[in-house]
């Protein structure tokens, strides 16, 4: 089909696929073979593509990657104390759509070089479908804050990180407002099984929004599958108190966290009695889960026997 017969939006999609910041030559190669593509790739577009590639190449050099090709093909990125700036993280966010192989993304910057908006700008750049293969996102010692948590929630809800299973946001300055904003997006990720929120200042309100959100009047119900596969939850050194422990124990007893196996509550201001109550609720939840798994296994093993016996019974009655 001739490109001229496509709508402007459809032509824009094709151009967007060709404008790979990490491999700008693709656009040049294809446009040289097609006059219609060449018309789409205007001088202004070419100039912007070159500029974006230069920025991406500079980032690769900064983190010790000799070429953009290495980043494009990477399955594991661990950038620790690389003095990443907010601009660097914004660039990484924009590159999310051209990193198809990346599975593990680990960012740690104790220097504070990214400032208060670095992770926020990273999340802003994550378009629908960005970082399509990433299963583990780990952000350590970097300011996310309530605003950044809200922007990350928006990125998740528009379809970024579609395969996310493990999320670390440690010492990220996420308070109650931030976790309240982020919680619904996390609950809409049924594949999430590890969640580490160590060293954040949120307390009971944020935790309640995560594990036992009350229905808000006039709003659509939250997804019923929320956190059903969550196996590990780390709340060490947060500000969860007795009230948060009560909410957590109630969530466990209600079956809201059926897969939870590991729960860390070290260094929180809750009383020993409240923490013990959560530990007991977790033990009850695990017992229920084990019993349910055993029943399911027995039912599964009995099914083939029933199917095998059915023809014999039928022939005996004839």
C-alpha atoms as a PDB file:
ATOM      1  CA  UNK A   1       0.000   0.000   0.000  1.00  0.00           C
ATOM      2  CA  UNK A   2       1.280   3.458  -0.891  1.00  0.00           C
ATOM      3  CA  UNK A   3       2.008   5.665   2.076  1.00  0.00           C
ATOM      4  CA  UNK A   4      -0.007   8.431   0.478  1.00  0.00           C
ATOM      5  CA  UNK A   5      -3.141   6.358   1.029  1.00  0.00           C
ATOM      6  CA  UNK A   6      -2.573   6.189   4.772  1.00  0.00           C
ATOM      7  CA  UNK A   7      -3.962   8.729   7.181  1.00  0.00           C
ATOM      8  CA  UNK A   8      -1.731  11.295   8.816  1.00  0.00           C
ATOM      9  CA  UNK A   9      -1.902   9.365  12.097  1.00  0.00           C
ATOM     10  CA  UNK A  10      -0.911   6.113  10.373  1.00  0.00           C
ATOM     11  CA  UNK A  11       2.001   7.802   8.646  1.00  0.00           C
ATOM     12  CA  UNK A  12       3.023   9.218  12.010  1.00  0.00           C
ATOM     13  CA  UNK A  13       3.071   5.724  13.530  1.00  0.00           C
ATOM     14  CA  UNK A  14       5.387   4.495  10.764  1.00  0.00           C
ATOM     15  CA  UNK A  15       7.652   7.479  11.195  1.00  0.00           C
ATOM     16  CA  UNK A  16       7.693   6.967  14.950  1.00  0.00           C
ATOM     17  CA  UNK A  17       8.856   3.368  14.506  1.00  0.00           C
ATOM     18  CA  UNK A  18      11.655   4.481  12.212  1.00  0.00           C
ATOM     19  CA  UNK A  19      12.840   7.294  14.465  1.00  0.00           C
ATOM     20  CA  UNK A  20      14.937   5.096  16.715  1.00  0.00           C
ATOM     21  CA  UNK A  21      17.154   7.403  18.742  1.00  0.00           C
ATOM     22  CA  UNK A  22      19.656   4.618  19.412  1.00  0.00           C
ATOM     23  CA  UNK A  23      19.783   3.592  15.745  1.00  0.00           C
ATOM     24  CA  UNK A  24      19.054   6.685  13.634  1.00  0.00           C
ATOM     25  CA  UNK A  25      20.504   5.107  10.509  1.00  0.00           C
ATOM     26  CA  UNK A  26      17.365   2.978  10.154  1.00  0.00           C
ATOM     27  CA  UNK A  27      15.315   6.003   9.259  1.00  0.00           C
ATOM     28  CA  UNK A  28      17.940   7.162   6.790  1.00  0.00           C
ATOM     29  CA  UNK A  29      18.175   3.739   5.138  1.00  0.00           C
ATOM     30  CA  UNK A  30      14.436   3.342   4.670  1.00  0.00           C
ATOM     31  CA  UNK A  31      13.898   6.906   3.547  1.00  0.00           C
ATOM     32  CA  UNK A  32      16.586   6.528   0.883  1.00  0.00           C
ATOM     33  CA  UNK A  33      14.593   3.643  -0.584  1.00  0.00           C
ATOM     34  CA  UNK A  34      11.219   5.386  -0.542  1.00  0.00           C
ATOM     35  CA  UNK A  35      10.333   8.840  -1.740  1.00  0.00           C
ATOM     36  CA  UNK A  36       7.235   8.825   0.463  1.00  0.00           C
ATOM     37  CA  UNK A  37       9.237   8.015   3.570  1.00  0.00           C
ATOM     38  CA  UNK A  38      11.774  10.623   2.556  1.00  0.00           C
ATOM     39  CA  UNK A  39       8.955  13.175   2.466  1.00  0.00           C
ATOM     40  CA  UNK A  40       7.953  12.204   6.013  1.00  0.00           C
ATOM     41  CA  UNK A  41      11.521  12.495   7.230  1.00  0.00           C
ATOM     42  CA  UNK A  42      11.763  16.251   6.811  1.00  0.00           C
ATOM     43  CA  UNK A  43      14.992  18.166   7.465  1.00  0.00           C
ATOM     44  CA  UNK A  44      13.604  19.287  10.809  1.00  0.00           C
ATOM     45  CA  UNK A  45      12.845  15.682  11.779  1.00  0.00           C
ATOM     46  CA  UNK A  46      16.318  14.585  10.701  1.00  0.00           C
ATOM     47  CA  UNK A  47      17.931  17.349  12.699  1.00  0.00           C
ATOM     48  CA  UNK A  48      15.950  16.427  15.822  1.00  0.00           C
ATOM     49  CA  UNK A  49      16.821  12.767  15.390  1.00  0.00           C
ATOM     50  CA  UNK A  50      20.525  13.614  15.196  1.00  0.00           C
ATOM     51  CA  UNK A  51      20.294  15.819  18.271  1.00  0.00           C
ATOM     52  CA  UNK A  52      18.457  13.133  20.243  1.00  0.00           C
ATOM     53  CA  UNK A  53      21.023  10.541  19.191  1.00  0.00           C
ATOM     54  CA  UNK A  54      23.879  12.754  20.369  1.00  0.00           C
ATOM     55  CA  UNK A  55      22.238  13.130  23.777  1.00  0.00           C
ATOM     56  CA  UNK A  56      21.683   9.372  24.025  1.00  0.00           C
ATOM     57  CA  UNK A  57      25.266   8.665  22.971  1.00  0.00           C
ATOM     58  CA  UNK A  58      26.559  11.060  25.633  1.00  0.00           C
ATOM     59  CA  UNK A  59      24.513   9.238  28.265  1.00  0.00           C
ATOM     60  CA  UNK A  60      25.944   5.892  27.166  1.00  0.00           C
ATOM     61  CA  UNK A  61      29.492   7.228  27.450  1.00  0.00           C
ATOM     62  CA  UNK A  62      28.726   8.682  30.882  1.00  0.00           C
ATOM     63  CA  UNK A  63      27.603   5.317  32.279  1.00  0.00           C
ATOM     64  CA  UNK A  64      30.493   3.422  30.702  1.00  0.00           C
ATOM     65  CA  UNK A  65      28.824   1.985  27.622  1.00  0.00           C
ATOM     66  CA  UNK A  66      30.994   2.375  24.532  1.00  0.00           C
ATOM     67  CA  UNK A  67      28.083   2.616  22.128  1.00  0.00           C
ATOM     68  CA  UNK A  68      24.338   3.012  21.864  1.00  0.00           C
ATOM     69  CA  UNK A  69      24.235  -0.504  20.436  1.00  0.00           C
ATOM     70  CA  UNK A  70      25.273  -1.901  23.818  1.00  0.00           C
ATOM     71  CA  UNK A  71      22.393  -0.125  25.531  1.00  0.00           C
ATOM     72  CA  UNK A  72      19.931  -1.090  22.806  1.00  0.00           C
ATOM     73  CA  UNK A  73      20.779  -4.792  23.219  1.00  0.00           C
ATOM     74  CA  UNK A  74      21.215  -4.824  26.995  1.00  0.00           C
ATOM     75  CA  UNK A  75      19.080  -7.163  29.088  1.00  0.00           C
ATOM     76  CA  UNK A  76      20.476  -5.871  32.398  1.00  0.00           C
ATOM     77  CA  UNK A  77      21.266  -2.244  33.253  1.00  0.00           C
ATOM     78  CA  UNK A  78      22.732  -1.449  36.676  1.00  0.00           C
ATOM     79  CA  UNK A  79      23.774   2.168  36.969  1.00  0.00           C
ATOM     80  CA  UNK A  80      25.077   2.870  40.461  1.00  0.00           C
ATOM     81  CA  UNK A  81      26.566   6.218  41.473  1.00  0.00           C
ATOM     82  CA  UNK A  82      27.061   7.413  37.898  1.00  0.00           C
ATOM     83  CA  UNK A  83      26.220  11.010  38.890  1.00  0.00           C
ATOM     84  CA  UNK A  84      23.063  10.827  36.830  1.00  0.00           C
ATOM     85  CA  UNK A  85      21.308  14.148  36.404  1.00  0.00           C
ATOM     86  CA  UNK A  86      17.616  14.840  35.972  1.00  0.00           C
ATOM     87  CA  UNK A  87      18.309  15.392  32.259  1.00  0.00           C
ATOM     88  CA  UNK A  88      20.000  11.985  32.062  1.00  0.00           C
ATOM     89  CA  UNK A  89      16.969  10.295  33.600  1.00  0.00           C
ATOM     90  CA  UNK A  90      14.647  12.189  31.269  1.00  0.00           C
ATOM     91  CA  UNK A  91      16.694  10.861  28.354  1.00  0.00           C
ATOM     92  CA  UNK A  92      16.465   7.328  29.706  1.00  0.00           C
ATOM     93  CA  UNK A  93      12.697   7.667  29.977  1.00  0.00           C
ATOM     94  CA  UNK A  94      12.426   8.748  26.350  1.00  0.00           C
ATOM     95  CA  UNK A  95      14.557   5.766  25.339  1.00  0.00           C
ATOM     96  CA  UNK A  96      12.133   3.362  26.995  1.00  0.00           C
ATOM     97  CA  UNK A  97      10.370   2.646  23.713  1.00  0.00           C
ATOM     98  CA  UNK A  98      13.599   1.539  21.984  1.00  0.00           C
ATOM     99  CA  UNK A  99      14.938  -0.831  24.643  1.00  0.00           C
ATOM    100  CA  UNK A 100      13.114  -4.054  23.729  1.00  0.00           C
ATOM    101  CA  UNK A 101      15.594  -6.448  25.331  1.00  0.00           C
ATOM    102  CA  UNK A 102      15.955  -4.797  28.733  1.00  0.00           C
ATOM    103  CA  UNK A 103      14.634  -6.975  31.588  1.00  0.00           C
ATOM    104  CA  UNK A 104      16.298  -5.560  34.710  1.00  0.00           C
ATOM    105  CA  UNK A 105      16.715  -1.831  35.347  1.00  0.00           C
ATOM    106  CA  UNK A 106      18.579  -0.867  38.525  1.00  0.00           C
ATOM    107  CA  UNK A 107      19.264   2.784  39.363  1.00  0.00           C
ATOM    108  CA  UNK A 108      21.062   3.942  42.498  1.00  0.00           C
ATOM    109  CA  UNK A 109      22.419   7.435  43.057  1.00  0.00           C
ATOM    110  CA  UNK A 110      23.372   8.295  46.609  1.00  0.00           C
ATOM    111  CA  UNK A 111      24.960  11.603  45.602  1.00  0.00           C
ATOM    112  CA  UNK A 112      21.622  13.286  44.974  1.00  0.00           C
ATOM    113  CA  UNK A 113      22.799  14.427  41.554  1.00  0.00           C
ATOM    114  CA  UNK A 114      19.413  13.681  39.996  1.00  0.00           C
ATOM    115  CA  UNK A 115      17.737  16.169  42.300  1.00  0.00           C
ATOM    116  CA  UNK A 116      14.112  16.014  43.425  1.00  0.00           C
ATOM    117  CA  UNK A 117      12.710  15.676  39.911  1.00  0.00           C
ATOM    118  CA  UNK A 118      14.984  13.104  38.282  1.00  0.00           C
ATOM    119  CA  UNK A 119      12.817  10.021  38.727  1.00  0.00           C
ATOM    120  CA  UNK A 120       9.725  12.094  38.007  1.00  0.00           C
ATOM    121  CA  UNK A 121      11.181  13.085  34.637  1.00  0.00           C
ATOM    122  CA  UNK A 122      12.143   9.475  33.943  1.00  0.00           C
ATOM    123  CA  UNK A 123       8.527   8.421  34.522  1.00  0.00           C
ATOM    124  CA  UNK A 124       7.202  11.311  32.431  1.00  0.00           C
ATOM    125  CA  UNK A 125       9.087   9.992  29.418  1.00  0.00           C
ATOM    126  CA  UNK A 126       7.697   6.464  29.644  1.00  0.00           C
ATOM    127  CA  UNK A 127       5.107   6.148  26.900  1.00  0.00           C
ATOM    128  CA  UNK A 128       2.550   3.362  26.461  1.00  0.00           C
ATOM    129  CA  UNK A 129       4.424   0.091  26.022  1.00  0.00           C
ATOM    130  CA  UNK A 130       7.768   1.559  27.105  1.00  0.00           C
ATOM    131  CA  UNK A 131      10.299  -0.864  28.601  1.00  0.00           C
ATOM    132  CA  UNK A 132       8.242  -3.791  27.287  1.00  0.00           C
ATOM    133  CA  UNK A 133      10.436  -6.582  28.671  1.00  0.00           C
ATOM    134  CA  UNK A 134      11.385  -5.089  32.042  1.00  0.00           C
ATOM    135  CA  UNK A 135      10.268  -7.361  34.869  1.00  0.00           C
ATOM    136  CA  UNK A 136      12.302  -5.724  37.636  1.00  0.00           C
ATOM    137  CA  UNK A 137      12.575  -1.979  38.300  1.00  0.00           C
ATOM    138  CA  UNK A 138      14.862  -1.088  41.201  1.00  0.00           C
ATOM    139  CA  UNK A 139      15.324   2.514  42.322  1.00  0.00           C
ATOM    140  CA  UNK A 140      17.538   2.999  45.372  1.00  0.00           C
ATOM    141  CA  UNK A 141      18.434   6.149  47.301  1.00  0.00           C
ATOM    142  CA  UNK A 142      16.889   8.439  44.717  1.00  0.00           C
ATOM    143  CA  UNK A 143      14.202  10.996  45.405  1.00  0.00           C
ATOM    144  CA  UNK A 144      10.834   9.959  44.010  1.00  0.00           C
ATOM    145  CA  UNK A 145       8.631  11.901  46.382  1.00  0.00           C
ATOM    146  CA  UNK A 146       4.873  12.150  46.273  1.00  0.00           C
ATOM    147  CA  UNK A 147       4.900  13.960  42.928  1.00  0.00           C
ATOM    148  CA  UNK A 148       7.195  11.365  41.372  1.00  0.00           C
ATOM    149  CA  UNK A 149       5.061   8.509  42.718  1.00  0.00           C
ATOM    150  CA  UNK A 150       1.991  10.084  41.123  1.00  0.00           C
ATOM    151  CA  UNK A 151       3.759  10.456  37.768  1.00  0.00           C
ATOM    152  CA  UNK A 152       4.999   6.857  37.971  1.00  0.00           C
ATOM    153  CA  UNK A 153       1.421   5.741  38.608  1.00  0.00           C
ATOM    154  CA  UNK A 154       0.314   7.588  35.479  1.00  0.00           C
ATOM    155  CA  UNK A 155       3.072   5.915  33.446  1.00  0.00           C
ATOM    156  CA  UNK A 156       1.993   2.475  34.645  1.00  0.00           C
ATOM    157  CA  UNK A 157      -1.637   3.221  33.886  1.00  0.00           C
ATOM    158  CA  UNK A 158      -0.886   4.305  30.323  1.00  0.00           C
ATOM    159  CA  UNK A 159       0.831   0.971  29.689  1.00  0.00           C
ATOM    160  CA  UNK A 160       4.513   1.439  30.471  1.00  0.00           C
ATOM    161  CA  UNK A 161       6.355  -1.505  32.024  1.00  0.00           C
ATOM    162  CA  UNK A 162       3.657  -4.011  31.003  1.00  0.00           C
ATOM    163  CA  UNK A 163       5.567  -7.030  32.403  1.00  0.00           C
ATOM    164  CA  UNK A 164       6.561  -5.545  35.761  1.00  0.00           C
ATOM    165  CA  UNK A 165       6.897  -8.183  38.477  1.00  0.00           C
ATOM    166  CA  UNK A 166       9.389  -6.714  40.956  1.00  0.00           C
ATOM    167  CA  UNK A 167       9.464  -3.109  42.172  1.00  0.00           C
ATOM    168  CA  UNK A 168      12.005  -1.596  44.572  1.00  0.00           C
ATOM    169  CA  UNK A 169      11.490   2.011  45.672  1.00  0.00           C
ATOM    170  CA  UNK A 170      13.797   2.348  48.656  1.00  0.00           C
ATOM    171  CA  UNK A 171      14.669   5.527  50.533  1.00  0.00           C
ATOM    172  CA  UNK A 172      12.696   7.377  47.882  1.00  0.00           C
ATOM    173  CA  UNK A 173      10.893   9.965  50.072  1.00  0.00           C
ATOM    174  CA  UNK A 174       7.434   8.556  49.286  1.00  0.00           C
ATOM    175  CA  UNK A 175       4.897   9.750  51.826  1.00  0.00           C
ATOM    176  CA  UNK A 176       1.261   8.880  52.357  1.00  0.00           C
ATOM    177  CA  UNK A 177       0.048  11.036  49.472  1.00  0.00           C
ATOM    178  CA  UNK A 178       2.532   9.394  47.124  1.00  0.00           C
ATOM    179  CA  UNK A 179       1.582   5.839  48.051  1.00  0.00           C
ATOM    180  CA  UNK A 180      -2.121   6.694  47.903  1.00  0.00           C
ATOM    181  CA  UNK A 181      -1.536   7.883  44.328  1.00  0.00           C
ATOM    182  CA  UNK A 182       0.638   4.902  43.374  1.00  0.00           C
ATOM    183  CA  UNK A 183      -1.373   2.133  45.059  1.00  0.00           C
ATOM    184  CA  UNK A 184      -4.206   1.821  42.502  1.00  0.00           C
ATOM    185  CA  UNK A 185      -1.714   1.447  39.637  1.00  0.00           C
ATOM    186  CA  UNK A 186       0.130  -1.262  41.575  1.00  0.00           C
ATOM    187  CA  UNK A 187      -3.125  -3.063  42.317  1.00  0.00           C
ATOM    188  CA  UNK A 188      -3.834  -3.072  38.587  1.00  0.00           C
ATOM    189  CA  UNK A 189      -0.649  -5.112  38.061  1.00  0.00           C
ATOM    190  CA  UNK A 190      -1.707  -8.703  38.817  1.00  0.00           C
ATOM    191  CA  UNK A 191       1.763 -10.046  37.960  1.00  0.00           C
ATOM    192  CA  UNK A 192       3.469  -8.019  40.699  1.00  0.00           C
ATOM    193  CA  UNK A 193       4.973 -10.422  43.233  1.00  0.00           C
ATOM    194  CA  UNK A 194       7.781  -8.497  45.004  1.00  0.00           C
ATOM    195  CA  UNK A 195       7.286  -4.996  46.390  1.00  0.00           C
ATOM    196  CA  UNK A 196       9.996  -3.314  48.449  1.00  0.00           C
ATOM    197  CA  UNK A 197       9.251   0.112  49.948  1.00  0.00           C
ATOM    198  CA  UNK A 198      12.046   0.290  52.524  1.00  0.00           C
ATOM    199  CA  UNK A 199      12.920   3.567  54.197  1.00  0.00           C
ATOM    200  CA  UNK A 200      10.019   5.691  52.964  1.00  0.00           C
ATOM    201  CA  UNK A 201       8.129   8.074  55.265  1.00  0.00           C
ATOM    202  CA  UNK A 202       4.590   6.884  54.459  1.00  0.00           C
ATOM    203  CA  UNK A 203       2.505   5.540  57.296  1.00  0.00           C
ATOM    204  CA  UNK A 204      -0.907   4.073  57.964  1.00  0.00           C
ATOM    205  CA  UNK A 205      -2.840   6.012  55.327  1.00  0.00           C
ATOM    206  CA  UNK A 206      -0.530   4.968  52.514  1.00  0.00           C
ATOM    207  CA  UNK A 207      -0.423   1.338  53.623  1.00  0.00           C
ATOM    208  CA  UNK A 208      -4.200   1.161  53.900  1.00  0.00           C
ATOM    209  CA  UNK A 209      -4.535   2.464  50.338  1.00  0.00           C
ATOM    210  CA  UNK A 210      -2.198  -0.298  49.169  1.00  0.00           C
ATOM    211  CA  UNK A 211      -3.607  -3.331  50.996  1.00  0.00           C
ATOM    212  CA  UNK A 212      -7.171  -2.392  51.927  1.00  0.00           C
ATOM    213  CA  UNK A 213      -8.392   0.588  49.927  1.00  0.00           C
ATOM    214  CA  UNK A 214     -11.857   1.788  50.986  1.00  0.00           C
ATOM    215  CA  UNK A 215     -14.357   2.215  48.143  1.00  0.00           C
ATOM    216  CA  UNK A 216     -14.614   5.866  47.182  1.00  0.00           C
ATOM    217  CA  UNK A 217     -18.121   7.177  46.647  1.00  0.00           C
ATOM    218  CA  UNK A 218     -18.944   7.780  42.993  1.00  0.00           C
ATOM    219  CA  UNK A 219     -15.764   6.178  41.643  1.00  0.00           C
ATOM    220  CA  UNK A 220     -15.330   2.899  39.716  1.00  0.00           C
ATOM    221  CA  UNK A 221     -14.410  -0.097  41.870  1.00  0.00           C
ATOM    222  CA  UNK A 222     -10.749  -0.973  42.136  1.00  0.00           C
ATOM    223  CA  UNK A 223      -9.543  -4.056  40.289  1.00  0.00           C
ATOM    224  CA  UNK A 224     -10.431  -7.224  42.143  1.00  0.00           C
ATOM    225  CA  UNK A 225      -7.204  -8.993  41.145  1.00  0.00           C
ATOM    226  CA  UNK A 226      -5.021  -6.478  43.027  1.00  0.00           C
ATOM    227  CA  UNK A 227      -1.937  -7.955  44.694  1.00  0.00           C
ATOM    228  CA  UNK A 228      -3.249 -11.513  44.476  1.00  0.00           C
ATOM    229  CA  UNK A 229       0.208 -12.773  43.446  1.00  0.00           C
ATOM    230  CA  UNK A 230       2.241 -10.607  45.805  1.00  0.00           C
ATOM    231  CA  UNK A 231       4.694 -12.892  47.603  1.00  0.00           C
ATOM    232  CA  UNK A 232       6.964 -10.412  49.372  1.00  0.00           C
ATOM    233  CA  UNK A 233       6.230  -7.003  50.905  1.00  0.00           C
ATOM    234  CA  UNK A 234       8.991  -5.073  52.667  1.00  0.00           C
ATOM    235  CA  UNK A 235       7.913  -2.131  54.828  1.00  0.00           C
ATOM    236  CA  UNK A 236      11.104  -1.817  56.894  1.00  0.00           C
ATOM    237  CA  UNK A 237      11.835   1.628  58.340  1.00  0.00           C
ATOM    238  CA  UNK A 238       8.573   3.191  57.211  1.00  0.00           C
ATOM    239  CA  UNK A 239       6.192   5.041  59.549  1.00  0.00           C
ATOM    240  CA  UNK A 240       3.566   2.309  59.821  1.00  0.00           C
ATOM    241  CA  UNK A 241       2.053   2.296  63.314  1.00  0.00           C
ATOM    242  CA  UNK A 242      -0.531   0.174  65.139  1.00  0.00           C
ATOM    243  CA  UNK A 243      -3.411   1.376  62.951  1.00  0.00           C
ATOM    244  CA  UNK A 244      -1.555   0.326  59.807  1.00  0.00           C
ATOM    245  CA  UNK A 245      -0.841  -3.069  61.333  1.00  0.00           C
ATOM    246  CA  UNK A 246      -4.548  -3.501  62.053  1.00  0.00           C
ATOM    247  CA  UNK A 247      -5.361  -2.755  58.395  1.00  0.00           C
ATOM    248  CA  UNK A 248      -2.648  -5.141  57.228  1.00  0.00           C
ATOM    249  CA  UNK A 249      -3.836  -7.954  59.507  1.00  0.00           C
ATOM    250  CA  UNK A 250      -7.412  -7.426  58.330  1.00  0.00           C
ATOM    251  CA  UNK A 251      -6.299  -7.605  54.700  1.00  0.00           C
ATOM    252  CA  UNK A 252      -4.502 -10.871  55.381  1.00  0.00           C
ATOM    253  CA  UNK A 253      -7.490 -12.375  57.200  1.00  0.00           C
ATOM    254  CA  UNK A 254      -9.839 -11.319  54.396  1.00  0.00           C
ATOM    255  CA  UNK A 255      -7.803 -13.157  51.777  1.00  0.00           C
ATOM    256  CA  UNK A 256      -6.734  -9.956  50.020  1.00  0.00           C
ATOM    257  CA  UNK A 257      -3.078 -11.089  50.005  1.00  0.00           C
ATOM    258  CA  UNK A 258      -3.359 -14.849  49.446  1.00  0.00           C
ATOM    259  CA  UNK A 259       0.165 -15.394  48.081  1.00  0.00           C
ATOM    260  CA  UNK A 260       2.036 -13.274  50.620  1.00  0.00           C
ATOM    261  CA  UNK A 261       4.803 -15.321  52.186  1.00  0.00           C
ATOM    262  CA  UNK A 262       7.386 -12.772  53.328  1.00  0.00           C
ATOM    263  CA  UNK A 263       6.519  -9.599  55.234  1.00  0.00           C
ATOM    264  CA  UNK A 264       9.159  -7.315  56.739  1.00  0.00           C
ATOM    265  CA  UNK A 265       8.227  -4.775  59.408  1.00  0.00           C
ATOM    266  CA  UNK A 266      11.580  -3.949  60.997  1.00  0.00           C
ATOM    267  CA  UNK A 267      12.197  -0.490  62.409  1.00  0.00           C
ATOM    268  CA  UNK A 268       8.601   0.759  62.262  1.00  0.00           C
ATOM    269  CA  UNK A 269       6.936   2.688  65.129  1.00  0.00           C
ATOM    270  CA  UNK A 270       4.189   0.096  65.649  1.00  0.00           C
ATOM    271  CA  UNK A 271       4.069  -1.703  68.987  1.00  0.00           C
ATOM    272  CA  UNK A 272       5.367  -5.224  69.437  1.00  0.00           C
ATOM    273  CA  UNK A 273       1.821  -6.434  70.067  1.00  0.00           C
ATOM    274  CA  UNK A 274       0.568  -4.927  66.799  1.00  0.00           C
ATOM    275  CA  UNK A 275       3.443  -6.440  64.815  1.00  0.00           C
ATOM    276  CA  UNK A 276       2.845  -9.818  66.480  1.00  0.00           C
ATOM    277  CA  UNK A 277      -0.810  -9.632  65.446  1.00  0.00           C
ATOM    278  CA  UNK A 278       0.236  -9.130  61.828  1.00  0.00           C
ATOM    279  CA  UNK A 279       2.647 -12.052  62.088  1.00  0.00           C
ATOM    280  CA  UNK A 280      -0.163 -14.263  63.372  1.00  0.00           C
ATOM    281  CA  UNK A 281      -2.482 -13.099  60.594  1.00  0.00           C
ATOM    282  CA  UNK A 282       0.221 -13.929  58.052  1.00  0.00           C
ATOM    283  CA  UNK A 283       0.564 -17.426  59.527  1.00  0.00           C
ATOM    284  CA  UNK A 284      -3.200 -17.943  59.264  1.00  0.00           C
ATOM    285  CA  UNK A 285      -3.179 -16.709  55.684  1.00  0.00           C
ATOM    286  CA  UNK A 286      -0.343 -19.062  54.778  1.00  0.00           C
ATOM    287  CA  UNK A 287      -2.183 -21.992  56.361  1.00  0.00           C
ATOM    288  CA  UNK A 288      -5.276 -21.208  54.310  1.00  0.00           C
ATOM    289  CA  UNK A 289      -3.197 -20.919  51.136  1.00  0.00           C
ATOM    290  CA  UNK A 290      -1.435 -24.240  51.776  1.00  0.00           C
ATOM    291  CA  UNK A 291      -4.728 -26.013  52.494  1.00  0.00           C
ATOM    292  CA  UNK A 292      -6.244 -24.542  49.332  1.00  0.00           C
ATOM    293  CA  UNK A 293      -3.254 -25.663  47.260  1.00  0.00           C
ATOM    294  CA  UNK A 294      -3.491 -29.178  48.691  1.00  0.00           C
ATOM    295  CA  UNK A 295      -7.209 -29.375  47.860  1.00  0.00           C
ATOM    296  CA  UNK A 296      -6.544 -28.164  44.335  1.00  0.00           C
ATOM    297  CA  UNK A 297      -3.787 -30.751  43.883  1.00  0.00           C
ATOM    298  CA  UNK A 298      -6.051 -33.551  45.133  1.00  0.00           C
ATOM    299  CA  UNK A 299      -8.843 -32.436  42.814  1.00  0.00           C
ATOM    300  CA  UNK A 300      -6.448 -32.292  39.868  1.00  0.00           C
ATOM    301  CA  UNK A 301      -5.125 -35.804  40.549  1.00  0.00           C
ATOM    302  CA  UNK A 302      -8.629 -37.187  41.011  1.00  0.00           C
ATOM    303  CA  UNK A 303      -9.923 -35.782  37.717  1.00  0.00           C
ATOM    304  CA  UNK A 304      -7.970 -38.172  35.406  1.00  0.00           C
ATOM    305  CA  UNK A 305      -9.092 -41.136  37.517  1.00  0.00           C
ATOM    306  CA  UNK A 306     -12.740 -40.080  37.170  1.00  0.00           C
ATOM    307  CA  UNK A 307     -12.373 -39.694  33.421  1.00  0.00           C
ATOM    308  CA  UNK A 308     -10.735 -43.112  33.116  1.00  0.00           C
ATOM    309  CA  UNK A 309     -13.453 -44.767  35.191  1.00  0.00           C
ATOM    310  CA  UNK A 310     -16.347 -43.270  33.258  1.00  0.00           C
ATOM    311  CA  UNK A 311     -16.112 -45.521  30.139  1.00  0.00           C
ATOM    312  CA  UNK A 312     -15.850 -48.642  32.323  1.00  0.00           C
ATOM    313  CA  UNK A 313     -18.968 -47.682  34.234  1.00  0.00           C
ATOM    314  CA  UNK A 314     -20.827 -46.965  31.044  1.00  0.00           C
ATOM    315  CA  UNK A 315     -19.946 -50.356  29.498  1.00  0.00           C
ATOM    316  CA  UNK A 316     -20.887 -52.185  32.688  1.00  0.00           C
ATOM    317  CA  UNK A 317     -24.387 -50.752  32.659  1.00  0.00           C
ATOM    318  CA  UNK A 318     -25.114 -51.751  29.065  1.00  0.00           C
END
